[in-house]
Amino acid sequence: MLTEQAQRALVLLTRHADKTGDQFVLDRVDRAKDEIIRLNSSSPAPFQVRSALAHAGAVLRQRRALVPSVQLSEVQPQDEPGKDDLSFAAIEIYEWLRTTPSLSTPQRHLLQELASGYQIEALASRRDVPLQRMRESISRVRKRARNAYAVEGTAA
């Protein structure tokens, strides 16, 4: 159960937060509320508010020192912080495979099934062809796709 002084301090902090739209102040008030609840002191409410805001401000200023902020208008798209999506190349190839006019529909389906993880044995049995014939078909389709992608990829 919170002391009466701690409850009063929380009310004062809520009023303080209602008067501002600044994110730093709102974060500071949020941290200050956590501290008041954690300490649950019986000292006067204004003292608790002042002390909790000071401690919260110090923590947030240390965070700002650790991570410098940059205006978004100054960031070029190639300089944006982030992590490269390793599956982007695969997605690009899937999309090319779906839309390329260089492959016939059966060739496209065969490559899509391979890309989806089907094993050569399963593909051979589904198409009712010998395993060796399926390997030859896959080899031909892959060669055609490599050549087509090289031509279409450099044109784009």
N, C-alpha and C. Protein backbone atom coordinates (compact mmCIF):
# COMPACT_ATOMS: atom_id res chain seq x y z
N MET A 1 0.85 -1.18 0.00
CA MET A 1 0.00 0.00 0.00
C MET A 1 0.90 1.25 0.00
N LEU A 2 0.60 2.17 -0.87
CA LEU A 2 1.37 3.40 -0.96
C LEU A 2 1.02 4.34 0.17
N THR A 3 2.02 5.05 0.65
CA THR A 3 1.77 6.06 1.67
C THR A 3 0.99 7.22 1.04
N GLU A 4 0.37 8.01 1.90
CA GLU A 4 -0.41 9.15 1.42
C GLU A 4 0.49 10.16 0.70
N GLN A 5 1.70 10.34 1.21
CA GLN A 5 2.64 11.28 0.59
C GLN A 5 3.09 10.78 -0.79
N ALA A 6 3.30 9.47 -0.91
CA ALA A 6 3.69 8.91 -2.20
C ALA A 6 2.54 9.04 -3.21
N GLN A 7 1.31 8.84 -2.75
CA GLN A 7 0.16 9.01 -3.64
C GLN A 7 0.05 10.46 -4.11
N ARG A 8 0.27 11.38 -3.19
CA ARG A 8 0.22 12.81 -3.54
C ARG A 8 1.33 13.14 -4.54
N ALA A 9 2.51 12.56 -4.36
CA ALA A 9 3.62 12.80 -5.28
C ALA A 9 3.28 12.28 -6.68
N LEU A 10 2.62 11.13 -6.75
CA LEU A 10 2.21 10.60 -8.05
C LEU A 10 1.20 11.50 -8.74
N VAL A 11 0.29 12.07 -7.98
CA VAL A 11 -0.69 13.01 -8.54
C VAL A 11 0.03 14.25 -9.08
N LEU A 12 1.00 14.77 -8.32
CA LEU A 12 1.75 15.94 -8.78
C LEU A 12 2.52 15.64 -10.07
N LEU A 13 3.13 14.46 -10.13
CA LEU A 13 3.86 14.08 -11.35
C LEU A 13 2.91 13.92 -12.55
N THR A 14 1.73 13.38 -12.32
CA THR A 14 0.76 13.22 -13.40
C THR A 14 0.34 14.59 -13.92
N ARG A 15 0.12 15.52 -13.05
CA ARG A 15 -0.24 16.89 -13.48
C ARG A 15 0.90 17.52 -14.27
N HIS A 16 2.12 17.27 -13.81
CA HIS A 16 3.30 17.79 -14.51
C HIS A 16 3.38 17.21 -15.93
N ALA A 17 3.09 15.93 -16.06
CA ALA A 17 3.13 15.28 -17.38
C ALA A 17 2.01 15.79 -18.29
N ASP A 18 0.86 16.09 -17.72
CA ASP A 18 -0.27 16.59 -18.51
C ASP A 18 0.01 17.95 -19.13
N LYS A 19 0.94 18.71 -18.55
CA LYS A 19 1.22 20.07 -19.03
C LYS A 19 2.25 20.11 -20.16
N THR A 20 2.82 18.97 -20.51
CA THR A 20 3.91 18.99 -21.50
C THR A 20 3.66 17.98 -22.62
N GLY A 21 4.33 18.20 -23.72
CA GLY A 21 4.30 17.26 -24.83
C GLY A 21 5.70 16.80 -25.18
N ASP A 22 6.68 17.27 -24.41
CA ASP A 22 8.08 16.94 -24.66
C ASP A 22 8.36 15.50 -24.22
N GLN A 23 8.91 14.71 -25.12
CA GLN A 23 9.14 13.30 -24.84
C GLN A 23 10.16 13.10 -23.72
N PHE A 24 11.18 13.95 -23.66
CA PHE A 24 12.16 13.82 -22.59
C PHE A 24 11.50 14.01 -21.23
N VAL A 25 10.63 15.01 -21.12
CA VAL A 25 9.94 15.27 -19.85
C VAL A 25 9.01 14.10 -19.51
N LEU A 26 8.31 13.57 -20.51
CA LEU A 26 7.40 12.45 -20.26
C LEU A 26 8.17 11.20 -19.81
N ASP A 27 9.31 10.94 -20.44
CA ASP A 27 10.14 9.81 -20.00
C ASP A 27 10.66 10.03 -18.59
N ARG A 28 11.04 11.24 -18.32
CA ARG A 28 11.56 11.59 -16.99
C ARG A 28 10.48 11.40 -15.93
N VAL A 29 9.26 11.84 -16.23
CA VAL A 29 8.14 11.68 -15.28
C VAL A 29 7.84 10.20 -15.08
N ASP A 30 7.88 9.42 -16.15
CA ASP A 30 7.60 8.00 -16.05
C ASP A 30 8.62 7.30 -15.14
N ARG A 31 9.89 7.62 -15.32
CA ARG A 31 10.92 7.04 -14.46
C ARG A 31 10.77 7.53 -13.02
N ALA A 32 10.39 8.79 -12.86
CA ALA A 32 10.20 9.34 -11.51
C ALA A 32 9.04 8.63 -10.80
N LYS A 33 7.97 8.35 -11.52
CA LYS A 33 6.84 7.62 -10.92
C LYS A 33 7.28 6.24 -10.47
N ASP A 34 8.07 5.57 -11.30
CA ASP A 34 8.57 4.24 -10.91
C ASP A 34 9.38 4.32 -9.62
N GLU A 35 10.21 5.36 -9.51
CA GLU A 35 11.04 5.50 -8.32
C GLU A 35 10.19 5.79 -7.08
N ILE A 36 9.19 6.61 -7.23
CA ILE A 36 8.33 6.94 -6.08
C ILE A 36 7.58 5.68 -5.62
N ILE A 37 7.09 4.91 -6.56
CA ILE A 37 6.40 3.68 -6.19
C ILE A 37 7.37 2.69 -5.53
N ARG A 38 8.57 2.60 -6.07
CA ARG A 38 9.56 1.67 -5.52
C ARG A 38 9.96 2.06 -4.10
N LEU A 39 10.19 3.36 -3.86
CA LEU A 39 10.65 3.81 -2.54
C LEU A 39 9.51 3.90 -1.52
N ASN A 40 8.33 4.33 -1.98
CA ASN A 40 7.15 4.45 -1.11
C ASN A 40 7.48 5.20 0.19
N SER A 41 8.05 6.37 0.04
CA SER A 41 8.54 7.16 1.18
C SER A 41 7.41 7.94 1.85
N SER A 42 7.65 8.30 3.09
CA SER A 42 6.68 9.14 3.81
C SER A 42 7.15 10.59 3.87
N SER A 43 8.22 10.93 3.16
CA SER A 43 8.68 12.32 3.12
C SER A 43 7.68 13.16 2.33
N PRO A 44 7.71 14.49 2.48
CA PRO A 44 6.73 15.34 1.80
C PRO A 44 6.71 15.13 0.29
N ALA A 45 5.53 15.22 -0.29
CA ALA A 45 5.34 14.94 -1.72
C ALA A 45 6.20 15.83 -2.61
N PRO A 46 6.27 17.16 -2.37
CA PRO A 46 7.10 17.98 -3.25
C PRO A 46 8.58 17.56 -3.23
N PHE A 47 9.06 17.13 -2.06
CA PHE A 47 10.44 16.67 -1.97
C PHE A 47 10.63 15.39 -2.78
N GLN A 48 9.69 14.47 -2.67
CA GLN A 48 9.77 13.22 -3.42
C GLN A 48 9.77 13.49 -4.94
N VAL A 49 8.91 14.41 -5.36
CA VAL A 49 8.82 14.74 -6.79
C VAL A 49 10.14 15.31 -7.27
N ARG A 50 10.67 16.30 -6.54
CA ARG A 50 11.93 16.94 -6.93
C ARG A 50 13.07 15.94 -6.98
N SER A 51 13.15 15.08 -5.97
CA SER A 51 14.22 14.10 -5.91
C SER A 51 14.10 13.06 -7.02
N ALA A 52 12.89 12.55 -7.23
CA ALA A 52 12.68 11.52 -8.25
C ALA A 52 12.93 12.08 -9.65
N LEU A 53 12.51 13.32 -9.91
CA LEU A 53 12.75 13.94 -11.22
C LEU A 53 14.24 14.16 -11.45
N ALA A 54 14.96 14.53 -10.41
CA ALA A 54 16.40 14.74 -10.55
C ALA A 54 17.11 13.43 -10.89
N HIS A 55 16.76 12.36 -10.19
CA HIS A 55 17.38 11.07 -10.46
C HIS A 55 17.02 10.57 -11.86
N ALA A 56 15.77 10.71 -12.24
CA ALA A 56 15.33 10.27 -13.57
C ALA A 56 16.03 11.07 -14.67
N GLY A 57 16.16 12.37 -14.47
CA GLY A 57 16.85 13.21 -15.45
C GLY A 57 18.30 12.81 -15.62
N ALA A 58 18.95 12.46 -14.51
CA ALA A 58 20.36 12.04 -14.59
C ALA A 58 20.49 10.75 -15.40
N VAL A 59 19.60 9.81 -15.18
CA VAL A 59 19.65 8.53 -15.92
C VAL A 59 19.42 8.77 -17.40
N LEU A 60 18.42 9.59 -17.73
CA LEU A 60 18.11 9.84 -19.15
C LEU A 60 19.22 10.62 -19.84
N ARG A 61 19.86 11.54 -19.14
CA ARG A 61 20.98 12.28 -19.75
C ARG A 61 22.16 11.34 -20.02
N GLN A 62 22.38 10.39 -19.13
CA GLN A 62 23.44 9.40 -19.37
C GLN A 62 23.12 8.56 -20.60
N ARG A 63 21.85 8.22 -20.80
CA ARG A 63 21.46 7.47 -21.99
C ARG A 63 21.72 8.28 -23.25
N ARG A 64 21.39 9.55 -23.21
CA ARG A 64 21.60 10.41 -24.38
C ARG A 64 23.09 10.54 -24.70
N ALA A 65 23.92 10.52 -23.67
CA ALA A 65 25.36 10.60 -23.91
C ALA A 65 25.88 9.32 -24.56
N LEU A 66 25.27 8.18 -24.22
CA LEU A 66 25.70 6.90 -24.79
C LEU A 66 25.30 6.76 -26.25
N VAL A 67 24.12 7.24 -26.60
CA VAL A 67 23.60 7.09 -27.96
C VAL A 67 23.33 8.48 -28.52
N PRO A 68 24.22 8.95 -29.37
CA PRO A 68 24.00 10.29 -29.93
C PRO A 68 22.79 10.29 -30.86
N SER A 69 22.07 11.40 -30.85
CA SER A 69 20.91 11.51 -31.72
C SER A 69 21.29 12.26 -32.99
N VAL A 70 20.63 11.90 -34.07
CA VAL A 70 20.89 12.49 -35.38
C VAL A 70 19.56 12.91 -35.97
N GLN A 71 19.52 14.08 -36.58
CA GLN A 71 18.31 14.52 -37.25
C GLN A 71 18.04 13.61 -38.45
N LEU A 72 16.79 13.23 -38.63
CA LEU A 72 16.46 12.34 -39.74
C LEU A 72 16.71 12.99 -41.09
N SER A 73 16.61 14.31 -41.14
CA SER A 73 16.85 15.00 -42.41
C SER A 73 18.32 14.92 -42.83
N GLU A 74 19.21 14.63 -41.88
CA GLU A 74 20.63 14.54 -42.18
C GLU A 74 21.06 13.13 -42.63
N VAL A 75 20.18 12.15 -42.46
CA VAL A 75 20.52 10.77 -42.77
C VAL A 75 20.17 10.47 -44.22
N GLN A 76 21.15 10.02 -44.97
CA GLN A 76 20.92 9.58 -46.34
C GLN A 76 20.44 8.14 -46.32
N PRO A 77 19.65 7.73 -47.31
CA PRO A 77 19.12 6.36 -47.29
C PRO A 77 20.20 5.28 -47.17
N GLN A 78 21.34 5.47 -47.82
CA GLN A 78 22.40 4.45 -47.74
C GLN A 78 23.10 4.48 -46.39
N ASP A 79 22.93 5.55 -45.62
CA ASP A 79 23.59 5.66 -44.32
C ASP A 79 22.68 5.27 -43.17
N GLU A 80 21.46 4.87 -43.46
CA GLU A 80 20.51 4.57 -42.40
C GLU A 80 21.04 3.43 -41.54
N PRO A 81 20.93 3.61 -40.23
CA PRO A 81 21.37 2.52 -39.37
C PRO A 81 20.41 1.34 -39.50
N GLY A 82 20.93 0.18 -39.43
CA GLY A 82 20.08 -1.00 -39.52
C GLY A 82 20.89 -2.22 -39.87
N LYS A 83 20.19 -3.27 -40.04
CA LYS A 83 20.83 -4.54 -40.33
C LYS A 83 20.33 -5.01 -41.68
N ASP A 84 21.25 -5.50 -42.51
CA ASP A 84 20.85 -6.00 -43.82
C ASP A 84 19.99 -7.24 -43.65
N ASP A 85 18.94 -7.30 -44.45
CA ASP A 85 18.07 -8.46 -44.44
C ASP A 85 18.69 -9.51 -45.35
N LEU A 86 19.14 -10.58 -44.77
CA LEU A 86 19.85 -11.60 -45.53
C LEU A 86 18.95 -12.33 -46.51
N SER A 87 17.64 -12.30 -46.30
CA SER A 87 16.74 -13.00 -47.20
C SER A 87 16.29 -12.12 -48.36
N PHE A 88 16.76 -10.87 -48.42
CA PHE A 88 16.34 -9.97 -49.49
C PHE A 88 16.73 -10.50 -50.86
N ALA A 89 17.93 -11.03 -50.99
CA ALA A 89 18.37 -11.57 -52.28
C ALA A 89 17.49 -12.73 -52.70
N ALA A 90 17.13 -13.59 -51.77
CA ALA A 90 16.26 -14.72 -52.11
C ALA A 90 14.89 -14.23 -52.53
N ILE A 91 14.37 -13.24 -51.86
CA ILE A 91 13.05 -12.69 -52.22
C ILE A 91 13.10 -12.08 -53.61
N GLU A 92 14.18 -11.40 -53.91
CA GLU A 92 14.34 -10.80 -55.23
C GLU A 92 14.35 -11.88 -56.31
N ILE A 93 15.03 -12.99 -56.06
CA ILE A 93 15.09 -14.08 -57.03
C ILE A 93 13.72 -14.76 -57.17
N TYR A 94 13.02 -14.96 -56.05
CA TYR A 94 11.67 -15.53 -56.12
C TYR A 94 10.77 -14.65 -56.98
N GLU A 95 10.85 -13.36 -56.77
CA GLU A 95 10.02 -12.43 -57.55
C GLU A 95 10.41 -12.48 -59.03
N TRP A 96 11.70 -12.52 -59.31
CA TRP A 96 12.14 -12.62 -60.71
C TRP A 96 11.61 -13.91 -61.32
N LEU A 97 11.71 -15.00 -60.58
CA LEU A 97 11.26 -16.30 -61.07
C LEU A 97 9.76 -16.28 -61.37
N ARG A 98 9.02 -15.57 -60.55
CA ARG A 98 7.56 -15.49 -60.74
C ARG A 98 7.18 -14.69 -61.98
N THR A 99 7.98 -13.70 -62.34
CA THR A 99 7.58 -12.75 -63.39
C THR A 99 8.39 -12.85 -64.68
N THR A 100 9.44 -13.61 -64.74
CA THR A 100 10.29 -13.61 -65.93
C THR A 100 9.59 -14.25 -67.13
N PRO A 101 9.70 -13.64 -68.30
CA PRO A 101 9.12 -14.25 -69.50
C PRO A 101 10.08 -15.27 -70.13
N SER A 102 11.29 -15.37 -69.60
CA SER A 102 12.31 -16.24 -70.20
C SER A 102 12.09 -17.72 -69.94
N LEU A 103 11.24 -18.06 -68.98
CA LEU A 103 11.01 -19.45 -68.62
C LEU A 103 9.57 -19.85 -68.98
N SER A 104 9.43 -21.09 -69.40
CA SER A 104 8.08 -21.59 -69.66
C SER A 104 7.41 -21.91 -68.32
N THR A 105 6.12 -22.11 -68.35
CA THR A 105 5.39 -22.40 -67.11
C THR A 105 5.90 -23.68 -66.44
N PRO A 106 6.13 -24.77 -67.16
CA PRO A 106 6.67 -25.97 -66.47
C PRO A 106 8.06 -25.74 -65.87
N GLN A 107 8.90 -24.99 -66.58
CA GLN A 107 10.23 -24.69 -66.03
C GLN A 107 10.11 -23.85 -64.75
N ARG A 108 9.24 -22.87 -64.80
CA ARG A 108 9.02 -22.00 -63.63
C ARG A 108 8.53 -22.82 -62.44
N HIS A 109 7.56 -23.71 -62.69
CA HIS A 109 7.03 -24.55 -61.60
C HIS A 109 8.11 -25.45 -61.01
N LEU A 110 8.93 -26.02 -61.86
CA LEU A 110 10.00 -26.89 -61.38
C LEU A 110 10.97 -26.11 -60.48
N LEU A 111 11.38 -24.93 -60.90
CA LEU A 111 12.29 -24.12 -60.09
C LEU A 111 11.63 -23.66 -58.80
N GLN A 112 10.36 -23.32 -58.85
CA GLN A 112 9.65 -22.92 -57.63
C GLN A 112 9.55 -24.07 -56.64
N GLU A 113 9.31 -25.27 -57.16
CA GLU A 113 9.25 -26.43 -56.27
C GLU A 113 10.61 -26.71 -55.64
N LEU A 114 11.66 -26.58 -56.42
CA LEU A 114 13.01 -26.75 -55.86
C LEU A 114 13.30 -25.70 -54.80
N ALA A 115 12.92 -24.46 -55.08
CA ALA A 115 13.15 -23.38 -54.13
C ALA A 115 12.34 -23.58 -52.85
N SER A 116 11.20 -24.25 -52.98
CA SER A 116 10.35 -24.50 -51.80
C SER A 116 10.86 -25.65 -50.95
N GLY A 117 11.89 -26.37 -51.44
CA GLY A 117 12.48 -27.41 -50.62
C GLY A 117 12.16 -28.83 -51.04
N TYR A 118 11.47 -29.00 -52.14
CA TYR A 118 11.19 -30.37 -52.61
C TYR A 118 12.50 -31.07 -52.96
N GLN A 119 12.57 -32.34 -52.65
CA GLN A 119 13.72 -33.16 -52.99
C GLN A 119 13.56 -33.70 -54.41
N ILE A 120 14.69 -33.98 -55.05
CA ILE A 120 14.68 -34.46 -56.43
C ILE A 120 13.88 -35.76 -56.54
N GLU A 121 14.01 -36.63 -55.54
CA GLU A 121 13.30 -37.90 -55.57
C GLU A 121 11.80 -37.68 -55.56
N ALA A 122 11.33 -36.76 -54.76
CA ALA A 122 9.90 -36.47 -54.68
C ALA A 122 9.39 -35.88 -56.00
N LEU A 123 10.19 -35.01 -56.59
CA LEU A 123 9.79 -34.41 -57.86
C LEU A 123 9.72 -35.46 -58.96
N ALA A 124 10.68 -36.38 -58.96
CA ALA A 124 10.70 -37.44 -59.97
C ALA A 124 9.47 -38.33 -59.83
N SER A 125 9.12 -38.68 -58.61
CA SER A 125 7.96 -39.56 -58.41
C SER A 125 6.65 -38.82 -58.73
N ARG A 126 6.58 -37.53 -58.43
CA ARG A 126 5.37 -36.76 -58.76
C ARG A 126 5.17 -36.64 -60.26
N ARG A 127 6.26 -36.55 -60.99
CA ARG A 127 6.18 -36.41 -62.45
C ARG A 127 6.27 -37.76 -63.17
N ASP A 128 6.47 -38.81 -62.40
CA ASP A 128 6.55 -40.17 -62.94
C ASP A 128 7.64 -40.29 -64.01
N VAL A 129 8.84 -39.79 -63.64
CA VAL A 129 10.01 -39.90 -64.53
C VAL A 129 11.15 -40.51 -63.73
N PRO A 130 12.09 -41.16 -64.41
CA PRO A 130 13.25 -41.72 -63.68
C PRO A 130 14.07 -40.60 -63.02
N LEU A 131 14.75 -40.97 -61.97
CA LEU A 131 15.54 -40.01 -61.19
C LEU A 131 16.61 -39.34 -62.05
N GLN A 132 17.28 -40.13 -62.88
CA GLN A 132 18.32 -39.56 -63.74
C GLN A 132 17.74 -38.53 -64.69
N ARG A 133 16.58 -38.80 -65.25
CA ARG A 133 15.92 -37.85 -66.17
C ARG A 133 15.55 -36.57 -65.44
N MET A 134 15.10 -36.69 -64.20
CA MET A 134 14.75 -35.49 -63.41
C MET A 134 16.00 -34.66 -63.14
N ARG A 135 17.11 -35.29 -62.84
CA ARG A 135 18.35 -34.55 -62.62
C ARG A 135 18.76 -33.79 -63.87
N GLU A 136 18.62 -34.42 -65.02
CA GLU A 136 18.95 -33.75 -66.28
C GLU A 136 18.03 -32.56 -66.54
N SER A 137 16.75 -32.75 -66.27
CA SER A 137 15.79 -31.65 -66.46
C SER A 137 16.12 -30.48 -65.55
N ILE A 138 16.43 -30.78 -64.30
CA ILE A 138 16.76 -29.72 -63.35
C ILE A 138 18.03 -29.00 -63.79
N SER A 139 19.01 -29.75 -64.24
CA SER A 139 20.26 -29.14 -64.69
C SER A 139 19.99 -28.18 -65.86
N ARG A 140 19.17 -28.61 -66.81
CA ARG A 140 18.86 -27.76 -67.96
C ARG A 140 18.10 -26.50 -67.55
N VAL A 141 17.13 -26.68 -66.68
CA VAL A 141 16.32 -25.53 -66.24
C VAL A 141 17.17 -24.55 -65.45
N ARG A 142 18.03 -25.04 -64.60
CA ARG A 142 18.92 -24.15 -63.83
C ARG A 142 19.84 -23.37 -64.76
N LYS A 143 20.38 -24.03 -65.76
CA LYS A 143 21.27 -23.35 -66.71
C LYS A 143 20.50 -22.26 -67.45
N ARG A 144 19.30 -22.58 -67.91
CA ARG A 144 18.49 -21.59 -68.61
C ARG A 144 18.17 -20.40 -67.69
N ALA A 145 17.82 -20.70 -66.45
CA ALA A 145 17.49 -19.65 -65.49
C ALA A 145 18.71 -18.78 -65.19
N ARG A 146 19.88 -19.38 -65.00
CA ARG A 146 21.10 -18.60 -64.74
C ARG A 146 21.39 -17.65 -65.89
N ASN A 147 21.30 -18.15 -67.13
CA ASN A 147 21.56 -17.31 -68.30
C ASN A 147 20.53 -16.19 -68.42
N ALA A 148 19.27 -16.52 -68.20
CA ALA A 148 18.21 -15.51 -68.30
C ALA A 148 18.37 -14.46 -67.21
N TYR A 149 18.71 -14.89 -65.99
CA TYR A 149 18.87 -13.93 -64.89
C TYR A 149 20.06 -13.02 -65.15
N ALA A 150 21.12 -13.57 -65.72
CA ALA A 150 22.30 -12.75 -66.03
C ALA A 150 21.93 -11.67 -67.05
N VAL A 151 21.16 -12.02 -68.05
CA VAL A 151 20.76 -11.05 -69.09
C VAL A 151 19.77 -10.04 -68.52
N GLU A 152 18.73 -10.52 -67.83
CA GLU A 152 17.70 -9.62 -67.31
C GLU A 152 18.20 -8.81 -66.13
N GLY A 153 19.08 -9.39 -65.33
CA GLY A 153 19.62 -8.67 -64.17
C GLY A 153 20.49 -7.50 -64.57
N THR A 154 21.27 -7.64 -65.63
CA THR A 154 22.13 -6.53 -66.08
C THR A 154 21.33 -5.49 -66.82
N ALA A 155 20.18 -5.89 -67.39
CA ALA A 155 19.34 -4.92 -68.11
C ALA A 155 18.59 -4.03 -67.13
N ALA A 156 18.34 -4.51 -65.92
CA ALA A 156 17.55 -3.74 -64.95
C ALA A 156 18.35 -2.71 -64.22
